[in-house]
């Protein structure tokens, strides 16, 4: 079985390892192929792209909100903490999550 993918004309399909609600917004955490991190995209907002969180193999991951429309929300303390926590948990369990998706 293939991992689920978020289909959006603007976004390259990547394996989705988590879909979570954060402060009333549903986000998908898509595994980046070339570095330890996730692309973050909304399932219920336009534009869908929020940005990415990288450096998940370090003690201080970096959240980059690339979409100006969503940046104030993403950098809000509550949302930022939740994004970091979910991304870190998902990163540490990525092998099991990918195996379960097959």
Protein backbone atom coordinates (compact mmCIF):
# COMPACT_ATOMS: atom_id res chain seq x y z
CA UNK A 1 0.00 0.00 0.00
CA UNK A 2 1.32 3.46 -0.89
CA UNK A 3 1.43 6.20 1.77
CA UNK A 4 -1.35 8.77 1.43
CA UNK A 5 -0.48 11.85 -0.58
CA UNK A 6 -1.88 15.35 -0.55
CA UNK A 7 -2.84 16.24 -4.11
CA UNK A 8 -2.42 19.91 -4.95
CA UNK A 9 -1.37 21.31 -8.30
CA UNK A 10 1.09 23.63 -6.59
CA UNK A 11 2.75 21.09 -4.30
CA UNK A 12 4.94 18.14 -5.18
CA UNK A 13 3.38 14.92 -3.86
CA UNK A 14 5.30 13.72 -0.80
CA UNK A 15 4.52 10.96 1.72
CA UNK A 16 2.17 12.27 4.41
CA UNK A 17 3.15 10.90 7.82
CA UNK A 18 0.72 12.87 9.97
CA UNK A 19 -2.47 14.89 9.68
CA UNK A 20 -3.37 16.87 12.80
CA UNK A 21 -5.68 19.64 13.96
CA UNK A 22 -3.89 22.61 15.48
CA UNK A 23 -6.02 25.46 16.77
CA UNK A 24 -8.88 24.58 14.45
CA UNK A 25 -6.74 24.15 11.33
CA UNK A 26 -5.94 20.80 9.77
CA UNK A 27 -2.32 20.33 8.70
CA UNK A 28 -0.41 17.60 6.95
CA UNK A 29 3.21 16.76 7.71
CA UNK A 30 4.84 15.54 4.48
CA UNK A 31 8.28 13.95 4.66
CA UNK A 32 10.95 15.99 2.87
CA UNK A 33 13.11 13.75 0.67
CA UNK A 34 16.43 15.56 1.05
CA UNK A 35 16.66 16.71 4.68
CA UNK A 36 15.32 15.84 8.15
CA UNK A 37 12.03 17.65 8.14
CA UNK A 38 8.47 18.03 6.94
CA UNK A 39 6.62 20.23 4.50
CA UNK A 40 3.61 21.67 6.32
CA UNK A 41 0.41 22.20 4.37
CA UNK A 42 -3.20 22.86 5.21
CA UNK A 43 -6.01 20.62 4.04
CA UNK A 44 -8.66 23.26 4.69
CA UNK A 45 -7.03 26.59 3.71
CA UNK A 46 -5.82 28.33 0.60
CA UNK A 47 -3.06 28.71 -0.15
CA UNK A 48 -2.35 25.24 1.19
CA UNK A 49 1.37 25.64 1.83
CA UNK A 50 2.36 26.84 5.29
CA UNK A 51 6.10 26.16 5.06
CA UNK A 52 8.42 23.59 6.53
CA UNK A 53 10.06 22.46 9.70
CA UNK A 54 13.63 21.21 9.34
CA UNK A 55 16.54 20.23 11.54
CA UNK A 56 14.52 17.54 13.27
CA UNK A 57 17.74 15.64 13.87
CA UNK A 58 18.99 18.52 16.06
CA UNK A 59 17.90 19.83 19.46
CA UNK A 60 16.50 23.01 17.86
CA UNK A 61 14.34 22.41 14.76
CA UNK A 62 13.59 25.42 12.57
CA UNK A 63 10.05 26.40 11.62
CA UNK A 64 9.91 28.41 8.40
CA UNK A 65 6.52 29.84 7.48
CA UNK A 66 6.99 30.65 3.80
CA UNK A 67 3.43 31.74 3.09
CA UNK A 68 2.91 35.35 4.24
CA UNK A 69 -0.82 34.85 4.73
CA UNK A 70 -0.24 32.08 7.30
CA UNK A 71 2.94 33.40 8.96
CA UNK A 72 1.26 35.29 11.87
CA UNK A 73 -0.73 32.19 12.81
CA UNK A 74 2.25 29.82 12.52
CA UNK A 75 4.52 31.98 14.65
CA UNK A 76 1.86 32.35 17.35
CA UNK A 77 3.30 30.71 20.47
CA UNK A 78 0.60 28.03 20.76
CA UNK A 79 0.69 27.02 17.10
CA UNK A 80 4.50 27.09 16.94
CA UNK A 81 4.83 24.84 20.00
CA UNK A 82 2.25 22.39 18.63
CA UNK A 83 3.93 22.30 15.20
CA UNK A 84 7.32 21.60 16.79
CA UNK A 85 5.92 18.91 19.13
CA UNK A 86 4.01 17.06 16.42
CA UNK A 87 6.89 17.28 13.94
CA UNK A 88 9.40 16.01 16.51
CA UNK A 89 7.18 13.10 17.55
CA UNK A 90 6.42 12.18 13.94
CA UNK A 91 10.09 12.42 12.94
CA UNK A 92 11.13 10.02 15.71
CA UNK A 93 8.46 7.52 14.63
CA UNK A 94 8.84 7.98 10.85
CA UNK A 95 10.23 4.50 10.15
CA UNK A 96 7.29 2.80 11.87
CA UNK A 97 4.79 5.16 10.20
CA UNK A 98 6.23 4.48 6.75
CA UNK A 99 6.22 0.72 7.42
CA UNK A 100 2.57 0.85 8.54
CA UNK A 101 1.61 2.69 5.36
CA UNK A 102 3.00 -0.09 3.14
